Protein backbone atom coordinates (compact mmCIF):
# COMPACT_ATOMS: atom_id res chain seq x y z
CA MET A 1 104.76 89.89 73.97
CA ILE A 2 107.97 88.08 74.97
CA SER A 3 107.34 85.36 77.53
CA THR A 4 109.06 85.47 80.92
CA ARG A 5 110.90 82.31 79.98
CA ARG A 6 112.22 83.87 76.77
CA ALA A 7 113.21 87.11 78.47
CA LEU A 8 115.16 85.18 81.10
CA SER A 9 116.87 83.25 78.33
CA THR A 10 118.09 86.53 76.87
CA VAL A 11 119.55 87.57 80.21
CA VAL A 12 121.38 84.26 80.48
CA LEU A 13 122.79 84.61 76.98
CA LEU A 14 123.93 88.17 77.56
CA ALA A 15 125.61 87.17 80.80
CA ALA A 16 127.56 84.48 78.93
CA LEU A 17 129.09 87.03 76.58
CA SER A 18 131.99 89.24 77.57
CA GLY A 19 130.78 92.04 75.32
CA VAL A 20 127.76 92.45 73.08
CA ALA A 21 126.55 94.85 70.44
CA ALA A 22 123.22 94.74 68.67
CA CYS A 23 123.04 94.20 64.94
CA ASP A 24 122.61 97.77 63.70
CA PRO A 25 120.44 98.27 60.58
CA ASP A 26 121.98 101.71 59.99
CA ASP A 27 125.57 100.50 60.31
CA SER A 28 126.73 101.18 56.75
CA ASP A 29 129.18 103.24 54.72
CA ALA A 30 126.48 105.77 53.97
CA ALA A 31 125.74 106.19 57.64
CA GLY A 32 129.38 106.94 58.26
CA ALA A 33 128.99 110.11 56.26
CA ARG A 34 126.66 111.41 58.97
CA ALA A 35 129.48 111.46 61.53
CA GLY A 36 129.81 114.41 63.92
CA SER A 37 131.02 117.80 62.80
CA GLY A 38 134.71 118.08 62.17
CA SER A 39 134.91 114.52 60.92
CA SER A 40 136.84 113.78 57.77
CA ALA A 41 134.91 110.58 57.27
CA SER A 42 133.20 109.99 53.94
CA PRO A 43 130.94 107.27 52.50
CA SER A 44 133.88 105.82 50.61
CA SER A 45 136.40 105.96 53.46
CA ALA A 46 134.26 104.82 56.40
CA PRO A 47 134.40 101.03 56.84
CA SER A 48 131.21 99.05 56.58
CA ALA A 49 130.13 97.43 59.83
CA THR A 50 127.28 94.95 59.56
CA ALA A 51 124.88 93.52 57.05
CA SER A 52 121.28 94.68 56.93
CA LYS A 53 119.06 93.72 59.82
CA ALA A 54 117.62 90.25 59.51
CA PRO A 55 113.84 89.85 59.22
CA ALA A 56 111.96 89.73 62.50
CA THR A 57 110.50 86.35 61.62
CA GLY A 58 111.80 83.18 60.04
CA ARG A 59 114.28 80.49 61.01
CA PRO A 60 117.98 80.02 60.25
CA GLY A 61 118.48 78.28 56.93
CA ASN A 62 120.34 75.24 58.28
CA SER A 63 118.74 72.33 60.07
CA ASP A 64 120.29 73.11 63.45
CA PRO A 65 119.17 76.12 65.50
CA THR A 66 121.80 78.86 65.63
CA ASP A 67 120.83 79.74 69.22
CA ASP A 68 118.10 77.90 71.08
CA VAL A 69 116.79 80.93 72.97
CA ASP A 70 113.86 79.36 74.78
CA GLY A 71 114.96 75.72 74.90
CA ASP A 72 112.34 74.48 72.46
CA GLY A 73 114.90 73.08 70.01
CA LYS A 74 113.80 75.47 67.28
CA GLY A 75 116.27 78.29 67.79
CA GLY A 76 115.41 81.97 67.93
CA ASP A 77 113.25 84.12 65.69
CA CYS A 78 116.03 86.25 64.21
CA GLY A 79 116.04 84.77 60.75
CA THR A 80 119.27 84.24 58.80
CA PRO A 81 122.43 85.24 60.69
CA PRO A 82 123.95 88.52 59.44
CA THR A 83 127.01 88.30 57.22
CA LEU A 84 129.87 90.78 56.92
CA PRO A 85 131.37 92.24 53.74
CA ALA A 86 134.48 90.49 52.43
CA GLY A 87 137.56 91.47 54.39
CA HIS A 88 135.64 92.64 57.45
CA THR A 89 135.53 91.00 60.85
CA LYS A 90 134.00 91.97 64.17
CA LEU A 91 136.24 91.89 67.22
CA LYS A 92 135.69 92.17 70.95
CA VAL A 93 138.70 94.01 72.36
CA GLU A 94 139.79 92.29 75.56
CA LEU A 95 143.06 94.02 76.43
CA MET A 96 144.86 97.20 75.39
CA ARG A 97 148.54 96.58 76.16
CA ASP A 98 149.61 99.98 74.82
CA SER A 99 148.76 102.30 71.95
CA SER A 100 150.60 100.07 69.46
CA GLY A 101 148.26 97.12 69.69
CA PHE A 102 145.53 95.18 71.47
CA GLU A 103 144.25 91.68 72.19
CA ALA A 104 140.85 90.75 70.79
CA ALA A 105 138.55 87.78 70.29
CA GLU A 106 136.29 87.27 67.30
CA ALA A 107 132.77 88.56 67.96
CA LYS A 108 130.04 86.35 66.55
CA PRO A 109 126.30 86.95 66.13
CA HIS A 110 124.00 85.38 68.72
CA CYS A 111 120.23 85.23 68.36
CA THR A 112 118.07 86.64 71.16
CA PRO A 113 114.40 87.65 71.27
CA ASN A 114 115.70 91.18 70.66
CA ASP A 115 117.43 90.35 67.35
CA TRP A 116 121.02 89.39 66.66
CA ILE A 117 123.76 90.62 68.98
CA TYR A 118 127.52 90.40 68.52
CA GLY A 119 129.69 89.19 71.35
CA ALA A 120 132.57 86.95 72.35
CA GLU A 121 132.11 84.21 74.88
CA LYS A 122 134.13 84.41 78.07
CA GLY A 123 137.39 82.59 77.66
CA ALA A 124 137.33 82.86 73.86
CA GLN A 125 140.75 82.68 72.25
CA THR A 126 142.32 86.07 71.65
CA LYS A 127 144.80 87.32 69.08
CA HIS A 128 147.20 90.26 69.06
CA TYR A 129 146.49 93.03 66.55
CA VAL A 130 148.93 95.79 65.61
CA LEU A 131 147.37 99.27 65.66
CA PRO A 132 149.48 101.52 63.39
CA GLY A 133 149.54 105.29 63.68
CA ASN A 134 147.76 105.76 60.34
CA VAL A 135 144.71 103.65 61.26
CA LYS A 136 141.38 105.06 60.06
CA ALA A 137 139.22 105.00 63.17
CA TYR A 138 135.58 105.86 63.82
CA LEU A 139 133.92 106.06 67.22
CA ALA A 140 130.18 105.64 67.66
CA LEU A 141 128.31 108.66 68.95
CA ALA A 142 126.10 108.14 71.98
CA ALA A 143 123.24 109.97 70.23
CA GLY A 144 122.18 106.77 68.50
CA PRO A 145 122.90 104.26 65.74
CA GLY A 146 124.24 105.29 62.35
CA LYS A 147 126.41 108.14 63.67
CA TRP A 148 130.19 108.12 63.96
CA LYS A 149 133.06 110.55 64.15
CA GLN A 150 136.50 109.93 62.73
CA VAL A 151 139.27 110.13 65.32
CA ASP A 152 143.03 109.77 65.27
CA HIS A 153 145.16 106.94 66.60
CA GLU A 154 145.69 108.52 70.01
CA GLN A 155 141.98 109.22 70.54
CA LEU A 156 141.08 105.66 69.57
CA SER A 157 143.67 104.14 71.91
CA LEU A 158 142.52 106.26 74.83
CA HIS A 159 138.86 105.46 74.16
CA ILE A 160 139.48 101.72 74.07
CA ASP A 161 141.54 101.87 77.26
CA ARG A 162 138.87 103.80 79.15
CA CYS A 163 136.02 101.60 77.95
CA LEU A 164 137.91 98.48 79.01
CA ALA A 165 138.47 100.05 82.42
CA GLU A 166 134.78 100.90 82.67
CA GLU A 167 133.87 97.35 81.72
CA ILE A 168 135.80 95.90 84.69
CA GLY A 169 134.74 98.66 87.08
CA ALA A 170 138.15 100.29 87.50
CA PRO A 171 138.30 103.35 89.80
CA THR A 172 137.40 106.53 87.94
CA LYS A 173 140.25 108.38 89.66
CA ASP A 174 142.62 106.21 87.64
CA TYR A 175 140.54 105.89 84.49
CA PRO A 176 138.20 108.83 83.78
CA LYS A 177 134.87 107.87 82.25
CA VAL A 178 134.28 108.37 78.56
CA LYS A 179 132.53 111.69 77.97
CA ALA A 180 129.96 112.84 75.43
CA PRO A 181 129.55 112.72 72.53
CA TYR A 182 130.99 109.21 72.89
CA GLY A 183 130.06 106.21 74.99
CA CYS A 184 131.07 102.60 75.69
CA PHE A 185 129.13 99.89 73.87
CA GLY A 186 130.75 96.58 74.78
CA ASN A 187 134.10 97.16 73.03
CA ILE A 188 132.91 95.63 69.76
CA TYR A 189 134.54 96.91 66.57
CA ASP A 190 134.29 96.27 62.84
CA VAL A 191 137.86 95.83 61.61
CA THR A 192 139.73 95.46 58.33
CA LEU A 193 143.40 94.59 57.97
CA ASP A 194 146.03 95.73 55.49
CA ALA A 195 148.39 93.55 53.47
CA LYS A 196 150.74 93.30 56.46
CA GLY A 197 147.98 92.05 58.74
CA GLN A 198 147.87 95.32 60.68
CA VAL A 199 144.62 97.13 61.48
CA LYS A 200 143.64 99.35 58.55
CA THR A 201 140.20 100.53 59.66
CA MET A 202 138.45 100.22 63.00
CA LYS A 203 134.85 101.24 63.55
CA GLU A 204 133.09 101.04 66.90
CA ILE A 205 129.70 99.31 66.91
CA TRP A 206 126.92 101.16 68.69
CA SER A 207 124.45 99.25 70.85
CA VAL A 208 121.82 99.95 73.52
């Protein structure tokens, strides 16, 4: 059972992050093939999102705790931090200027008593990313982890814009809420870039 002290530590850590998404054990290329009907996604085309879930026990391999969850100087119980496939990065979208691009900060894994979560600290440095019309995009389905549906550039842009509005509590009369089968999960995405540095693939990360 998680102690009250540890649970409160989790709340504090979550509050310090501008957006979080849990490390998803089913977040893989194979899972992308289970996207909703009408999707053109395939195991080979869907971008990989996160590494396999870290063991529930064990300590980070280095001598310093990755995240000292309960203040005991020993770090959390998440095990080794997850690593991403070469060429992949996780981003927390902070601002959608228009459909041609967005501002995002790097999302990093943070250990909590509930496993690793990805998020960007408030005030983290952002970078502009170009979102071309031919981007391969996948939105997470609200039904649960391991399920995505491929969408086009316009659908992705609209989804990001509405989730950002929901995150700041914008009036729904101006920004309609995201409807099923989709949801908003902290605006965390797994991204790959092309040779020009533009977004090639963008896959939303599901979280509770």
